[in-house]
Each structure stands twice: as structure tokens, then as C-alpha cells.
Amino acid sequence: MINAAIVGIGRWGQGLVSSVQGTSDQIKFTAGVTRTRAKAEGFCTDNKIDLRDDYAELLNDESIDAIVLATPHTQHEEQIVAAAKAGKHVFTEKPFTLTKASAERAVAAARDAEVTVALGHNRRFFKNTEAMKALVESGDLGTLLHIDGNQSSDLGVAAGAWRDSRAESPAGGMTSLGIHALDCMIHMGGRIAQIDTISTRRAIGFDIDDATAAVLQFEAGMTGTMVTLASSPRIFHIRVVGSKGWVEMTNTENLRICGPDGAIEEKIFPTDDYPHPSSLAAELNEFAAAAQGTATYRISPEEMIHGTAVLEAMGESAESGGRVNIS
């Protein structure tokens, strides 16, 4: 069992805590800090979390083994580096950071301090994602040809919150929405070599882009397409196409598999409702086990850096209007 502190106790931070508090034998939250203390006091009292005044107080507390970050993207590098230097294991919400250089600095700090660093892409912990990964690795799809991803939703609800700025949301909905699908694509296909992106603002009520589309090429040779829309009803799908068939998921439960004969089989992997606390618990428990040396966290530090590099390249391509080489 490790003692963790939660940094950022808004809606998502509370979801992380609630997924494990009192039920996990790997991790428990004992302390925390947040920007608006009054909004978190009741929650912290109910969950026996000691609400502190600032981040430094958490880092100086020897009883705290790990830091869990549910904070704005632009703060991640500094917070991860500080936690590592204090000897704390670190779990951070996605995206890891917003530039490849900052991701490299954060990973280097964790390695130098010999602490575990983990990234909260909870979609990797859904059963249908695990089944898709197993099918892709089995070779049953033949030669992989193309991977398509789309994660879209209405970010208009973020008006007045920290995500409504271009600094926190480069390439529009990619940092809040599309990053989920992008990580799944990297999980299935490996590293991405180059990217062409178009990103524009069409309908959203504040100054971020809400229509972003990219064409990718993977190092292994497959092509890819990635779309995120920030002013539409919810869309999610990942589709991996090979020479002998394809596999697709369009939610957190289903998996559609097409074989060489064109017949489609659908499998269902039941899960809980949004925010899917079982997946949050799974990632936090695996992080805690990795911190204790009894497991390996399923997202490697190299993938954390690469995913960040792709996100940065997507923004660069959108700004320049040209292709960006990542590898």
C-alpha cells in the first residue's frame, strides 16, 4: 500500500480518488492540494484527505509516497520534475506535457531519481481495448494497412475553465479529446513517423479550434487518419485494418471483428458508466504496483515522450500547413 497525494481536486481529480479510496489494497489518498480550496473541503473531509496549503508542503511530507496530478497540462513538467526530485512516484493525467523537450525532461527527472512515472490513459485499461490489442498482435488481421481514430465531443462546456485557451488546448480538441484516440492508435500501431494536420475554428464559442484532422504514417509503414471535433455530439472509434480483416471499437464495451470472408462478429465487454471508475482504479492500482516493484506500468516512458512529440507535431503542422517529421 502506498500513500498518495492528489493535486487538483476538481471533477476528474475527485473521480480518481473515488475509484480507489477505501477499496484498493495498493493505494490510498491521504493528502491533497487544489486551486479552489472551498470547492474541495467537503470531499476531502468525506474521504479522510488532509487538504494542504501548497504543493511544496506535499513534497516535503515524508509520509507521502506518490503524487497524482489532475492539473492543467502546462503545469505537468514542473510538477513532475519537482515530485521526482523529492523522491515521490508520479502519476499524471494526459497529456503528459505539451512538448517533446518537456516530456524528455520530466522522464529524465524520474529516471535520475529512480521513481516510477505513469500516465493516465485509462482507455488502455478497458477490456475491449485489451482484446483489440491481443487481436492485432496475433497476426490474424494479416499485414496492417491503416489505423483510423476519432474522438469528438462538445467542449463548449469548458467555457470559463482552464481548457478554453489556446495555450492549454493546442490543435483544438486534441489535448482534451483526441489524445485518447491518438494513444490507442500508438498502442495498436507503434510509433508515428510523420503527420499532416489541418485545424480550424468553426462553431465553438471561445478561441480554440474545433475541427482538427490529420493524416499519419507509422514507422512500421501503415497509414493513419485522426480526427477530433470539439463542437459535435460524442463520437469515438478506433479501427485497425489489415489485409485479412479489420477490428473496430466504437465505445468502451464493443468490439467488431471482420474476417477475410466479410462476416462481422460483435463482442461485448461490459464496463461501468462514465467516468468509468473501474478503468481509473485499474490504472492507479497498476501505478502503485509498479511503484512497489511488483508490476510494470503498461505505458512506457518512451511512449509518453513519443505521444507528446506527436501531439506537438500535430500543432506545428496545423500552424505551418505542412508535413512534420517526428522520427
Protein backbone atom coordinates (compact mmCIF):
# COMPACT_ATOMS: atom_id res chain seq x y z
CA MET A 1 0.00 0.00 0.00
CA ILE A 2 1.34 3.41 -0.92
CA ASN A 3 0.18 6.77 0.42
CA ALA A 4 -0.65 9.24 -2.34
CA ALA A 5 -1.46 12.92 -2.53
CA ILE A 6 -3.91 14.27 -5.10
CA VAL A 7 -3.08 17.59 -6.78
CA GLY A 8 -6.09 19.15 -8.45
CA ILE A 9 -9.32 18.11 -6.74
CA GLY A 10 -11.85 19.11 -9.38
CA ARG A 11 -14.25 16.77 -11.13
CA TRP A 12 -11.59 14.44 -12.55
CA GLY A 13 -9.36 14.52 -9.50
CA GLN A 14 -12.31 13.53 -7.34
CA GLY A 15 -13.09 10.72 -9.77
CA LEU A 16 -9.56 9.36 -9.43
CA VAL A 17 -9.76 9.40 -5.64
CA SER A 18 -13.23 7.85 -5.52
CA SER A 19 -12.20 4.98 -7.78
CA VAL A 20 -9.81 3.54 -5.18
CA GLN A 21 -10.36 5.17 -1.82
CA GLY A 22 -11.31 2.55 0.74
CA THR A 23 -11.40 -0.29 -1.79
CA SER A 24 -7.83 -0.65 -3.09
CA ASP A 25 -5.15 -2.71 -1.38
CA GLN A 26 -2.47 -0.91 -3.44
CA ILE A 27 -3.04 2.82 -2.96
CA LYS A 28 -4.84 5.28 -0.72
CA PHE A 29 -5.06 9.07 -0.79
CA THR A 30 -4.04 10.76 2.44
CA ALA A 31 -3.44 14.38 1.42
CA GLY A 32 -4.09 16.86 -1.35
CA VAL A 33 -3.94 20.41 -2.63
CA THR A 34 -6.15 22.30 -5.09
CA ARG A 35 -6.57 25.80 -6.51
CA THR A 36 -10.02 26.48 -5.04
CA ARG A 37 -9.91 25.06 -1.55
CA ALA A 38 -13.54 25.78 -0.67
CA LYS A 39 -14.79 23.56 -3.52
CA ALA A 40 -12.87 20.54 -2.23
CA GLU A 41 -13.16 20.76 1.54
CA GLY A 42 -16.30 18.63 1.86
CA PHE A 43 -14.97 15.96 -0.48
CA CYS A 44 -11.66 15.80 1.37
CA THR A 45 -13.39 15.52 4.74
CA ASP A 46 -15.56 12.66 3.48
CA ASN A 47 -12.53 10.82 2.09
CA LYS A 48 -10.17 11.48 5.03
CA ILE A 49 -7.82 13.56 2.90
CA ASP A 50 -5.72 16.20 4.64
CA LEU A 51 -6.14 19.30 2.47
CA ARG A 52 -2.84 21.21 2.44
CA ASP A 53 -2.00 24.79 1.52
CA ASP A 54 0.52 24.27 -1.28
CA TYR A 55 2.35 21.72 -3.41
CA ALA A 56 5.66 22.18 -1.60
CA GLU A 57 4.05 21.01 1.62
CA LEU A 58 3.14 17.72 -0.03
CA LEU A 59 6.65 17.25 -1.43
CA ASN A 60 8.22 17.83 1.98
CA ASP A 61 5.99 15.26 3.69
CA GLU A 62 7.96 12.01 4.12
CA SER A 63 4.75 10.04 4.75
CA ILE A 64 3.62 10.65 1.16
CA ASP A 65 4.99 8.11 -1.33
CA ALA A 66 3.37 9.32 -4.56
CA ILE A 67 1.86 12.35 -6.25
CA VAL A 68 -1.18 12.10 -8.54
CA LEU A 69 -1.63 15.10 -10.85
CA ALA A 70 -5.04 16.17 -12.20
CA THR A 71 -3.83 19.64 -13.11
CA PRO A 72 -3.63 21.85 -16.23
CA HIS A 73 -1.36 20.47 -18.94
CA THR A 74 1.07 23.39 -18.85
CA GLN A 75 1.93 22.64 -15.21
CA HIS A 76 2.84 18.98 -15.65
CA GLU A 77 6.55 19.24 -16.43
CA GLU A 78 7.37 21.44 -13.46
CA GLN A 79 5.23 19.36 -11.11
CA ILE A 80 6.64 16.02 -12.29
CA VAL A 81 10.24 17.22 -12.01
CA ALA A 82 9.64 18.63 -8.52
CA ALA A 83 7.97 15.42 -7.34
CA ALA A 84 10.78 13.27 -8.71
CA LYS A 85 13.42 15.40 -7.04
CA ALA A 86 11.52 14.96 -3.79
CA GLY A 87 11.65 11.17 -4.26
CA LYS A 88 7.94 10.79 -4.99
CA HIS A 89 6.48 8.47 -7.60
CA VAL A 90 4.31 10.40 -10.06
CA PHE A 91 1.07 9.64 -11.88
CA THR A 92 -0.18 12.39 -14.21
CA GLU A 93 -3.26 12.86 -16.29
CA LYS A 94 -2.92 13.18 -20.06
CA PRO A 95 -1.42 14.75 -21.99
CA PHE A 96 1.91 14.08 -20.29
CA THR A 97 3.28 17.51 -21.25
CA LEU A 98 2.81 19.70 -24.33
CA THR A 99 6.27 19.47 -25.93
CA LYS A 100 8.70 16.65 -26.60
CA ALA A 101 11.51 18.55 -24.84
CA SER A 102 9.44 19.00 -21.68
CA ALA A 103 8.41 15.33 -21.74
CA GLU A 104 12.07 14.31 -22.02
CA ARG A 105 12.99 16.50 -19.05
CA ALA A 106 10.17 15.03 -16.95
CA VAL A 107 11.10 11.43 -17.80
CA ALA A 108 14.80 12.15 -17.17
CA ALA A 109 14.00 13.55 -13.72
CA ALA A 110 12.05 10.41 -12.82
CA ARG A 111 14.83 8.15 -14.07
CA ASP A 112 17.50 10.10 -12.22
CA ALA A 113 15.50 9.85 -9.01
CA GLU A 114 14.66 6.17 -9.65
CA VAL A 115 10.94 6.78 -9.17
CA THR A 116 8.01 5.47 -11.21
CA VAL A 117 6.27 7.82 -13.63
CA ALA A 118 2.86 6.87 -15.06
CA LEU A 119 0.41 8.45 -17.49
CA GLY A 120 -3.34 8.18 -17.10
CA HIS A 121 -4.60 6.93 -20.45
CA ASN A 122 -7.42 4.92 -18.92
CA ARG A 123 -8.70 3.65 -22.29
CA ARG A 124 -5.78 1.21 -22.36
CA PHE A 125 -7.37 -0.47 -19.34
CA PHE A 126 -10.76 -1.21 -20.92
CA LYS A 127 -11.35 -4.88 -21.73
CA ASN A 128 -12.27 -4.21 -25.35
CA THR A 129 -9.01 -2.27 -25.84
CA GLU A 130 -7.07 -5.19 -24.36
CA ALA A 131 -8.89 -7.60 -26.67
CA MET A 132 -8.19 -5.40 -29.71
CA LYS A 133 -4.50 -5.24 -28.82
CA ALA A 134 -4.34 -9.04 -28.48
CA LEU A 135 -6.00 -9.49 -31.88
CA VAL A 136 -3.64 -7.03 -33.56
CA GLU A 137 -0.62 -8.78 -32.05
CA SER A 138 -1.91 -12.24 -33.04
CA GLY A 139 -1.34 -11.55 -36.73
CA ASP A 140 -4.89 -12.66 -37.62
CA LEU A 141 -5.54 -9.35 -39.40
CA GLY A 142 -2.69 -10.02 -41.83
CA THR A 143 -0.47 -7.16 -42.92
CA LEU A 144 -1.63 -3.99 -41.18
CA LEU A 145 -2.65 -1.33 -43.69
CA HIS A 146 -4.37 1.55 -41.89
CA ILE A 147 -5.49 2.78 -38.46
CA ASP A 148 -8.30 5.31 -38.10
CA GLY A 149 -9.25 7.19 -34.94
CA ASN A 150 -11.85 9.75 -33.92
CA GLN A 151 -12.67 11.16 -30.51
CA SER A 152 -15.03 14.11 -30.53
CA SER A 153 -17.40 15.84 -28.13
CA ASP A 154 -18.79 19.27 -27.29
CA LEU A 155 -16.13 21.23 -25.40
CA GLY A 156 -18.40 24.25 -25.20
CA VAL A 157 -18.99 23.28 -21.57
CA ALA A 158 -15.35 24.28 -20.90
CA ALA A 159 -16.11 27.99 -21.38
CA GLY A 160 -14.57 29.90 -18.48
CA ALA A 161 -12.42 26.95 -17.41
CA TRP A 162 -8.70 26.48 -18.00
CA ARG A 163 -9.17 24.38 -21.14
CA ASP A 164 -10.71 27.28 -23.07
CA SER A 165 -7.34 28.80 -24.08
CA ARG A 166 -5.08 28.00 -27.00
CA ALA A 167 -2.15 27.68 -24.59
CA GLU A 168 -3.84 24.72 -22.87
CA SER A 169 -5.59 23.39 -25.99
CA PRO A 170 -3.24 23.49 -28.98
CA ALA A 171 -4.70 21.86 -32.10
CA GLY A 172 -8.15 22.37 -30.66
CA GLY A 173 -9.76 19.34 -29.05
CA MET A 174 -6.65 17.18 -29.42
CA THR A 175 -5.36 17.80 -25.89
CA SER A 176 -8.68 17.12 -24.17
CA LEU A 177 -10.32 14.65 -26.56
CA GLY A 178 -8.25 13.38 -29.45
CA ILE A 179 -5.30 12.45 -27.26
CA HIS A 180 -7.34 9.43 -26.08
CA ALA A 181 -7.76 8.07 -29.61
CA LEU A 182 -4.20 9.01 -30.56
CA ASP A 183 -2.80 6.98 -27.67
CA CYS A 184 -4.90 3.99 -28.73
CA MET A 185 -3.53 4.32 -32.27
CA ILE A 186 0.05 4.37 -30.98
CA HIS A 187 -0.80 1.42 -28.71
CA MET A 188 -2.02 -0.58 -31.71
CA GLY A 189 0.41 0.55 -34.41
CA GLY A 190 3.55 1.75 -32.68
CA ARG A 191 5.49 4.92 -33.35
CA ILE A 192 4.32 7.54 -35.83
CA ALA A 193 6.88 8.86 -38.33
CA GLN A 194 5.18 11.89 -39.88
CA ILE A 195 1.98 13.88 -39.78
CA ASP A 196 -0.04 16.38 -41.86
CA THR A 197 -2.70 18.35 -39.96
CA ILE A 198 -5.49 20.82 -40.72
CA SER A 199 -7.06 22.55 -37.71
CA THR A 200 -9.62 25.35 -37.70
CA ARG A 201 -12.31 27.04 -35.63
CA ARG A 202 -15.84 26.61 -36.94
CA ALA A 203 -18.53 26.82 -34.26
CA ILE A 204 -17.12 26.84 -30.73
CA GLY A 205 -17.81 29.91 -28.61
CA PHE A 206 -14.25 30.61 -27.46
CA ASP A 207 -10.86 30.82 -29.10
CA ILE A 208 -9.73 27.27 -29.71
CA ASP A 209 -10.01 25.18 -32.87
CA ASP A 210 -12.92 22.76 -33.01
CA ALA A 211 -12.23 20.84 -36.24
CA THR A 212 -8.87 19.06 -36.44
CA ALA A 213 -7.92 16.33 -38.90
CA ALA A 214 -4.58 14.63 -39.53
CA VAL A 215 -3.05 12.12 -41.92
CA LEU A 216 -0.32 9.97 -40.37
CA GLN A 217 2.31 7.49 -41.41
CA PHE A 218 3.54 4.94 -38.90
CA GLU A 219 7.18 3.89 -38.73
CA ALA A 220 6.02 0.33 -39.50
CA GLY A 221 4.54 1.56 -42.78
CA MET A 222 0.79 1.78 -42.12
CA THR A 223 -1.16 4.92 -42.95
CA GLY A 224 -3.47 6.56 -40.42
CA THR A 225 -6.16 9.20 -40.07
CA MET A 226 -7.07 11.03 -36.88
CA VAL A 227 -10.00 13.41 -36.34
CA THR A 228 -11.17 15.35 -33.31
CA LEU A 229 -14.15 17.72 -33.29
CA ALA A 230 -14.80 19.94 -30.27
CA SER A 231 -18.28 21.19 -31.19
CA SER A 232 -20.10 17.97 -32.05
CA PRO A 233 -22.07 15.30 -30.26
CA ARG A 234 -19.90 12.50 -28.93
CA ILE A 235 -18.00 10.29 -31.39
CA PHE A 236 -15.44 7.61 -30.60
CA HIS A 237 -13.94 4.93 -32.75
CA ILE A 238 -10.67 3.13 -33.37
CA ARG A 239 -10.43 0.94 -36.49
CA VAL A 240 -7.42 -1.20 -37.40
CA VAL A 241 -7.50 -2.58 -40.95
CA GLY A 242 -5.32 -5.40 -42.26
CA SER A 243 -5.07 -7.48 -45.42
CA LYS A 244 -7.12 -10.30 -43.83
CA GLY A 245 -9.69 -8.35 -41.83
CA TRP A 246 -10.37 -5.43 -39.57
CA VAL A 247 -11.30 -4.73 -35.95
CA GLU A 248 -13.19 -1.73 -34.63
CA MET A 249 -14.44 -0.34 -31.32
CA THR A 250 -16.94 2.50 -31.14
CA ASN A 251 -17.46 2.73 -27.39
CA THR A 252 -15.99 1.36 -24.17
CA GLU A 253 -17.71 -2.02 -24.44
CA ASN A 254 -17.93 -3.30 -28.02
CA LEU A 255 -15.51 -4.89 -30.46
CA ARG A 256 -16.50 -5.59 -34.08
CA ILE A 257 -14.31 -8.07 -35.95
CA CYS A 258 -14.43 -8.68 -39.70
CA GLY A 259 -12.67 -11.72 -41.16
CA PRO A 260 -11.49 -12.49 -44.72
CA ASP A 261 -14.99 -13.60 -45.74
CA GLY A 262 -16.53 -10.26 -44.79
CA ALA A 263 -18.59 -11.70 -41.92
CA ILE A 264 -18.73 -9.40 -38.89
CA GLU A 265 -18.72 -10.66 -35.31
CA GLU A 266 -19.52 -8.34 -32.42
CA LYS A 267 -18.27 -8.95 -28.90
CA ILE A 268 -19.37 -7.06 -25.78
CA PHE A 269 -17.15 -6.40 -22.75
CA PRO A 270 -19.42 -4.78 -20.13
CA THR A 271 -17.99 -1.89 -18.12
CA ASP A 272 -19.28 0.80 -15.76
CA ASP A 273 -20.65 4.20 -16.70
CA TYR A 274 -18.62 7.37 -17.31
CA PRO A 275 -16.17 8.30 -15.81
CA HIS A 276 -15.62 4.52 -15.75
CA PRO A 277 -14.19 4.20 -12.22
CA SER A 278 -13.08 0.61 -12.86
CA SER A 279 -10.61 1.82 -15.50
CA LEU A 280 -9.38 4.61 -13.23
CA ALA A 281 -8.89 2.13 -10.41
CA ALA A 282 -7.04 -0.24 -12.75
CA GLU A 283 -4.54 2.40 -13.84
CA LEU A 284 -3.95 3.69 -10.31
CA ASN A 285 -3.52 0.17 -8.91
CA GLU A 286 -1.05 -0.72 -11.68
CA PHE A 287 0.85 2.51 -10.99
CA ALA A 288 1.01 1.69 -7.28
CA ALA A 289 2.17 -1.86 -8.00
CA ALA A 290 4.87 -0.50 -10.33
CA ALA A 291 5.98 1.94 -7.65
CA GLN A 292 6.35 -1.00 -5.26
CA GLY A 293 8.28 -3.03 -7.84
CA THR A 294 5.67 -5.74 -8.35
CA ALA A 295 4.42 -4.74 -11.82
CA THR A 296 5.39 -2.83 -14.95
CA TYR A 297 3.15 0.07 -15.93
CA ARG A 298 1.75 -0.61 -19.40
CA ILE A 299 2.62 2.79 -20.88
CA SER A 300 6.39 3.08 -21.11
CA PRO A 301 8.25 6.36 -20.56
CA GLU A 302 9.31 6.17 -24.23
CA GLU A 303 5.65 6.07 -25.28
CA MET A 304 4.92 9.05 -23.00
CA ILE A 305 7.60 11.04 -24.81
CA HIS A 306 6.52 9.85 -28.25
CA GLY A 307 2.84 10.59 -27.70
CA THR A 308 3.79 14.10 -26.60
CA ALA A 309 6.03 14.52 -29.66
CA VAL A 310 3.12 13.54 -31.95
CA LEU A 311 0.78 15.99 -30.21
CA GLU A 312 3.37 18.76 -30.59
CA ALA A 313 3.96 17.87 -34.24
CA MET A 314 0.22 17.98 -34.90
CA GLY A 315 0.12 21.57 -33.64
CA GLU A 316 3.22 22.50 -35.65
CA SER A 317 1.75 21.01 -38.81
CA ALA A 318 -1.53 22.84 -38.31
CA GLU A 319 0.33 26.13 -37.87
CA SER A 320 2.68 25.68 -40.83
CA GLY A 321 0.29 23.93 -43.19
CA GLY A 322 2.96 21.36 -44.00
CA ARG A 323 4.16 17.88 -43.13
CA VAL A 324 6.14 17.40 -39.92
CA ASN A 325 8.59 14.52 -39.48
CA ILE A 326 8.52 13.12 -35.96
CA SER A 327 11.07 10.31 -36.09
